[in-house]
Amino acid sequence: MDNLKQLAIKHKSDKHGSHFYTEVYERYMSPKKNKSIKFLEIGVGGYNNKNYSDIYLGGESLRMWRDYFKKGRIVGLDIVKKKIKLGNRVKIFQGSQSSPTTLFRIVKEYKQFDFIVDDGSHRSKDVIFSFKYLFNFLKDGGYYFIEDTQSSYIRELGGDGAYLGNKKTAINYFKSLVDKINYQEIENPFYKPDYFAKNITEIHFFHNIIVIKKEKNLEKSNILFNNRRLVGGTSHITLRKSIKNIKYLFLYLKSRINYLLDYVKI
């Protein structure tokens, strides 16, 4: 018994059955199964009496990860202080996933992770905050997973099922990262790639789960140079370059106006 589906069933993790995440995880994690990896999961679980406040319950997924990565160091984070014995390769921190102090304590001790899984509050603001903070501490070649993205469509969880374009939802935040992957192809010399643009090469959207790969994003455009289209030919080239620069400036100002109008709309 060594694949994730079997281990999820054994330890009663909802990553198979209630959901079907184990097949997705296996696809990205199996190459490092026998490596000495470091793994962080936000959300330990422990459902009882219609809430997750029982300090002695939970850890089903942590047991699954522990048994799958036999040489791995497994870290959990939960808003509730858990008292669960999972062996010396597993450690659970207590705190909020949107607390910089809590996240700092974890990364100070473990430095970097091979895999990070967000199975925490599922609220968009928490999901986005954790990703922005923790992605810096994911190793090159590592993967970041966001579970239960259905919350982006449920109002009581900070989602929006009425206006699917709501930019405050987690699902729309991660959709926007697709543009960052393609930053070399954006015809806009004013565009400034950020850390995520330079360090994400893949985003995979599955039913209810997102997978992001961290890797140096260095592939150049075969059409643009420094985010602009070069002016060809020799006739009136100075004038044509000036006209193109004016055009770029006009389009940039137009985009800023549209952004402000969009922001006001939200």
Protein backbone atom coordinates (compact mmCIF):
# COMPACT_ATOMS: atom_id res chain seq x y z
CA MET A 1 0.00 0.00 0.00
CA ASP A 2 2.03 2.93 -1.21
CA ASN A 3 -0.01 5.07 -3.59
CA LEU A 4 -1.90 8.13 -2.39
CA LYS A 5 -5.36 6.79 -3.14
CA GLN A 6 -4.78 3.71 -0.99
CA LEU A 7 -3.21 5.76 1.79
CA ALA A 8 -6.08 8.28 1.72
CA ILE A 9 -8.57 5.43 2.14
CA LYS A 10 -6.48 3.87 4.91
CA HIS A 11 -6.22 7.10 6.91
CA LYS A 12 -9.74 8.31 6.05
CA SER A 13 -8.51 11.48 4.32
CA ASP A 14 -11.16 13.29 2.30
CA LYS A 15 -8.61 13.82 -0.48
CA HIS A 16 -10.12 10.68 -1.99
CA GLY A 17 -13.84 10.02 -1.77
CA SER A 18 -15.27 13.41 -0.86
CA HIS A 19 -12.80 14.79 -3.41
CA PHE A 20 -10.59 13.12 -5.97
CA TYR A 21 -7.32 14.97 -5.46
CA THR A 22 -5.01 12.01 -4.94
CA GLU A 23 -4.74 11.30 -8.67
CA VAL A 24 -3.73 14.92 -9.26
CA TYR A 25 -1.19 14.86 -6.45
CA GLU A 26 0.31 11.58 -7.64
CA ARG A 27 0.97 13.13 -11.04
CA TYR A 28 3.21 15.86 -9.60
CA MET A 29 4.59 14.26 -6.47
CA SER A 30 5.54 10.72 -7.48
CA PRO A 31 9.02 11.66 -8.87
CA LYS A 32 10.03 12.80 -5.36
CA LYS A 33 8.30 10.03 -3.45
CA ASN A 34 11.54 8.51 -2.17
CA LYS A 35 13.40 11.79 -1.68
CA SER A 36 14.11 13.69 1.53
CA ILE A 37 11.54 16.38 0.83
CA LYS A 38 9.95 19.06 3.02
CA PHE A 39 6.18 19.34 2.84
CA LEU A 40 3.78 21.94 4.25
CA GLU A 41 0.01 21.55 4.48
CA ILE A 42 -2.25 24.34 5.70
CA GLY A 43 -5.24 22.87 7.53
CA VAL A 44 -5.03 19.81 9.78
CA GLY A 45 -8.74 19.04 10.05
CA GLY A 46 -10.58 17.38 12.91
CA TYR A 47 -14.29 17.83 12.26
CA ASN A 48 -16.62 17.31 15.23
CA ASN A 49 -19.96 18.80 16.29
CA LYS A 50 -20.20 20.86 13.09
CA ASN A 51 -16.81 22.56 13.50
CA TYR A 52 -13.08 21.86 13.39
CA SER A 53 -12.22 22.91 16.94
CA ASP A 54 -11.44 19.50 18.46
CA ILE A 55 -7.77 19.57 19.49
CA TYR A 56 -7.46 15.77 19.46
CA LEU A 57 -8.96 15.14 16.01
CA GLY A 58 -7.54 15.63 12.53
CA GLY A 59 -4.26 14.80 10.87
CA GLU A 60 -5.69 12.30 8.36
CA SER A 61 -3.91 13.93 5.44
CA LEU A 62 -0.70 14.44 7.42
CA ARG A 63 -0.64 10.68 8.07
CA MET A 64 -1.13 10.08 4.36
CA TRP A 65 1.76 12.40 3.41
CA ARG A 66 3.96 10.91 6.15
CA ASP A 67 3.47 7.37 4.84
CA TYR A 68 3.85 8.40 1.20
CA PHE A 69 7.06 10.37 1.67
CA LYS A 70 8.93 7.93 3.87
CA LYS A 71 12.00 10.20 4.03
CA GLY A 72 10.05 13.45 4.14
CA ARG A 73 9.61 16.05 6.84
CA ILE A 74 5.91 16.91 7.09
CA VAL A 75 4.65 20.20 8.51
CA GLY A 76 1.06 21.11 9.31
CA LEU A 77 -0.54 24.44 10.18
CA ASP A 78 -3.92 24.86 11.84
CA ILE A 79 -5.83 27.69 13.49
CA VAL A 80 -6.50 25.28 16.39
CA LYS A 81 -3.70 24.06 18.67
CA LYS A 82 -3.66 20.34 17.86
CA LYS A 83 -2.54 17.59 20.23
CA ILE A 84 -2.03 14.72 17.80
CA LYS A 85 0.86 12.27 17.85
CA LEU A 86 2.06 11.62 14.30
CA GLY A 87 5.69 10.65 14.82
CA ASN A 88 8.96 12.56 14.85
CA ARG A 89 8.87 13.45 11.13
CA VAL A 90 5.64 15.45 11.54
CA LYS A 91 5.26 18.79 13.28
CA ILE A 92 2.12 20.91 13.62
CA PHE A 93 2.17 24.68 14.10
CA GLN A 94 -0.77 26.62 15.50
CA GLY A 95 -1.85 29.92 13.99
CA SER A 96 -3.66 31.64 11.15
CA GLN A 97 -2.63 31.16 7.55
CA SER A 98 -3.00 34.90 7.05
CA SER A 99 -0.70 35.78 9.95
CA PRO A 100 2.78 36.92 8.83
CA THR A 101 4.11 36.09 12.30
CA THR A 102 2.87 32.51 12.11
CA LEU A 103 4.16 31.93 8.58
CA PHE A 104 7.51 33.48 9.50
CA ARG A 105 7.92 31.01 12.38
CA ILE A 106 7.45 28.13 9.96
CA VAL A 107 9.79 29.32 7.21
CA LYS A 108 12.41 30.40 9.74
CA GLU A 109 12.66 26.77 10.88
CA TYR A 110 12.21 24.94 7.55
CA LYS A 111 13.59 27.52 5.07
CA GLN A 112 12.05 26.05 1.88
CA PHE A 113 9.51 23.43 0.88
CA ASP A 114 9.23 21.04 -2.06
CA PHE A 115 5.43 21.02 -1.86
CA ILE A 116 2.88 23.33 -0.25
CA VAL A 117 -0.82 22.45 0.01
CA ASP A 118 -3.48 24.96 1.04
CA ASP A 119 -6.40 23.08 2.59
CA GLY A 120 -7.09 25.79 5.17
CA SER A 121 -9.95 28.24 5.53
CA HIS A 122 -10.64 28.29 1.75
CA ARG A 123 -11.57 31.97 2.06
CA SER A 124 -10.20 33.93 -0.88
CA LYS A 125 -8.40 36.57 1.15
CA ASP A 126 -6.60 33.90 3.22
CA VAL A 127 -5.75 31.76 0.19
CA ILE A 128 -4.27 34.72 -1.70
CA PHE A 129 -2.36 36.01 1.34
CA SER A 130 -0.79 32.62 2.09
CA PHE A 131 0.21 32.13 -1.53
CA LYS A 132 1.83 35.56 -1.84
CA TYR A 133 3.82 34.95 1.35
CA LEU A 134 4.76 31.28 1.02
CA PHE A 135 5.49 31.05 -2.70
CA ASN A 136 8.81 32.77 -1.99
CA PHE A 137 9.75 29.78 0.16
CA LEU A 138 8.87 27.10 -2.36
CA LYS A 139 11.91 25.46 -3.95
CA ASP A 140 12.60 25.79 -7.68
CA GLY A 141 10.85 22.87 -9.31
CA GLY A 142 8.36 22.70 -6.45
CA TYR A 143 4.56 22.78 -6.61
CA TYR A 144 1.94 24.82 -4.76
CA PHE A 145 -1.58 23.37 -4.52
CA ILE A 146 -4.84 25.17 -3.67
CA GLU A 147 -7.71 22.86 -2.76
CA ASP A 148 -11.47 23.43 -2.67
CA THR A 149 -11.55 26.34 -5.09
CA GLN A 150 -15.34 25.98 -5.13
CA SER A 151 -15.23 28.54 -2.32
CA SER A 152 -14.63 31.19 -5.00
CA TYR A 153 -18.24 30.70 -6.08
CA ILE A 154 -19.84 30.60 -2.60
CA ARG A 155 -20.70 33.96 -1.07
CA GLU A 156 -20.43 32.97 2.62
CA LEU A 157 -16.83 31.86 1.94
CA GLY A 158 -15.90 35.15 0.28
CA GLY A 159 -16.75 33.96 -3.23
CA ASP A 160 -19.19 35.24 -5.82
CA GLY A 161 -21.50 32.98 -7.80
CA ALA A 162 -23.42 35.92 -9.29
CA TYR A 163 -20.53 37.89 -10.83
CA LEU A 164 -17.90 35.46 -12.06
CA GLY A 165 -15.60 38.35 -13.00
CA ASN A 166 -15.18 39.42 -9.36
CA LYS A 167 -11.43 40.01 -9.06
CA LYS A 168 -11.45 39.49 -5.31
CA THR A 169 -12.03 35.74 -5.59
CA ALA A 170 -9.15 33.30 -5.38
CA ILE A 171 -10.03 31.65 -8.68
CA ASN A 172 -9.78 34.96 -10.53
CA TYR A 173 -6.55 35.85 -8.80
CA PHE A 174 -4.94 32.65 -10.05
CA LYS A 175 -6.43 33.13 -13.52
CA SER A 176 -4.56 36.44 -13.65
CA LEU A 177 -1.26 34.61 -13.16
CA VAL A 178 -1.65 33.16 -16.66
CA ASP A 179 -0.84 36.64 -18.03
CA LYS A 180 2.28 36.70 -15.87
CA ILE A 181 3.51 33.41 -17.36
CA ASN A 182 3.29 35.12 -20.76
CA TYR A 183 4.93 38.38 -19.71
CA GLN A 184 7.53 38.12 -22.48
CA GLU A 185 4.68 38.17 -25.04
CA ILE A 186 2.89 41.28 -23.75
CA GLU A 187 3.28 44.11 -26.25
CA ASN A 188 3.64 46.86 -23.70
CA PRO A 189 7.08 48.32 -22.89
CA PHE A 190 5.61 49.75 -19.67
CA TYR A 191 4.79 46.28 -18.34
CA LYS A 192 6.94 45.38 -15.33
CA PRO A 193 7.18 41.65 -14.54
CA ASP A 194 7.04 40.85 -10.84
CA TYR A 195 8.40 37.94 -8.82
CA PHE A 196 5.53 35.67 -9.84
CA ALA A 197 5.96 36.43 -13.53
CA LYS A 198 9.63 35.52 -13.33
CA ASN A 199 9.15 32.35 -11.27
CA ILE A 200 6.01 30.58 -12.53
CA THR A 201 6.09 28.39 -15.64
CA GLU A 202 2.95 26.28 -15.23
CA ILE A 203 -0.57 26.67 -13.82
CA HIS A 204 -2.98 23.73 -14.00
CA PHE A 205 -6.68 24.15 -13.25
CA PHE A 206 -8.58 20.99 -12.30
CA HIS A 207 -12.02 20.56 -10.82
CA ASN A 208 -11.74 22.19 -7.40
CA ILE A 209 -7.92 22.29 -7.28
CA ILE A 210 -5.17 24.48 -8.76
CA VAL A 211 -1.52 23.50 -9.23
CA ILE A 212 1.28 26.07 -9.70
CA LYS A 213 4.88 25.17 -10.57
CA LYS A 214 7.73 27.35 -9.40
CA GLU A 215 10.54 27.59 -11.94
CA LYS A 216 12.58 30.35 -13.59
CA ASN A 217 10.42 31.74 -16.40
CA LEU A 218 13.09 32.72 -18.91
CA GLU A 219 11.73 31.77 -22.35
CA LYS A 220 11.95 34.75 -24.72
CA SER A 221 9.32 35.88 -27.20
CA ASN A 222 9.98 35.09 -30.85
CA ILE A 223 8.06 38.21 -31.90
CA LEU A 224 8.73 40.94 -29.34
CA PHE A 225 11.94 42.44 -27.97
CA ASN A 226 11.67 43.97 -24.50
CA ASN A 227 7.88 43.87 -24.86
CA ARG A 228 7.76 45.93 -28.04
CA ARG A 229 7.42 45.18 -31.74
CA LEU A 230 10.49 46.34 -33.65
CA VAL A 231 10.05 48.77 -36.52
CA GLY A 232 11.26 47.18 -39.76
CA GLY A 233 12.66 48.76 -42.90
CA THR A 234 14.77 51.90 -43.28
CA SER A 235 12.48 54.60 -44.71
CA HIS A 236 11.37 57.26 -42.20
CA ILE A 237 12.38 54.93 -39.40
CA THR A 238 12.87 57.68 -36.79
CA LEU A 239 9.41 59.09 -37.43
CA ARG A 240 7.83 55.65 -37.41
CA LYS A 241 9.54 54.79 -34.12
CA SER A 242 8.24 58.01 -32.58
CA ILE A 243 4.71 57.27 -33.75
CA LYS A 244 4.90 53.76 -32.30
CA ASN A 245 6.16 55.13 -28.97
CA ILE A 246 3.23 57.58 -28.88
CA LYS A 247 0.90 54.68 -29.63
CA TYR A 248 2.37 52.63 -26.76
CA LEU A 249 1.96 55.57 -24.38
CA PHE A 250 -1.63 56.09 -25.47
CA LEU A 251 -2.47 52.39 -24.98
CA TYR A 252 -0.77 52.39 -21.59
CA LEU A 253 -2.79 55.41 -20.39
CA LYS A 254 -5.96 53.83 -21.74
CA SER A 255 -5.23 50.60 -19.83
CA ARG A 256 -4.74 52.53 -16.58
CA ILE A 257 -8.08 54.28 -17.04
CA ASN A 258 -9.78 50.92 -17.68
CA TYR A 259 -8.11 49.50 -14.58
CA LEU A 260 -9.40 52.36 -12.42
CA LEU A 261 -12.92 51.99 -13.83
CA ASP A 262 -12.79 48.27 -13.15
CA TYR A 263 -11.62 48.88 -9.58
CA VAL A 264 -14.46 51.33 -8.93
CA LYS A 265 -16.95 48.81 -10.35
CA ILE A 266 -15.86 46.21 -7.80
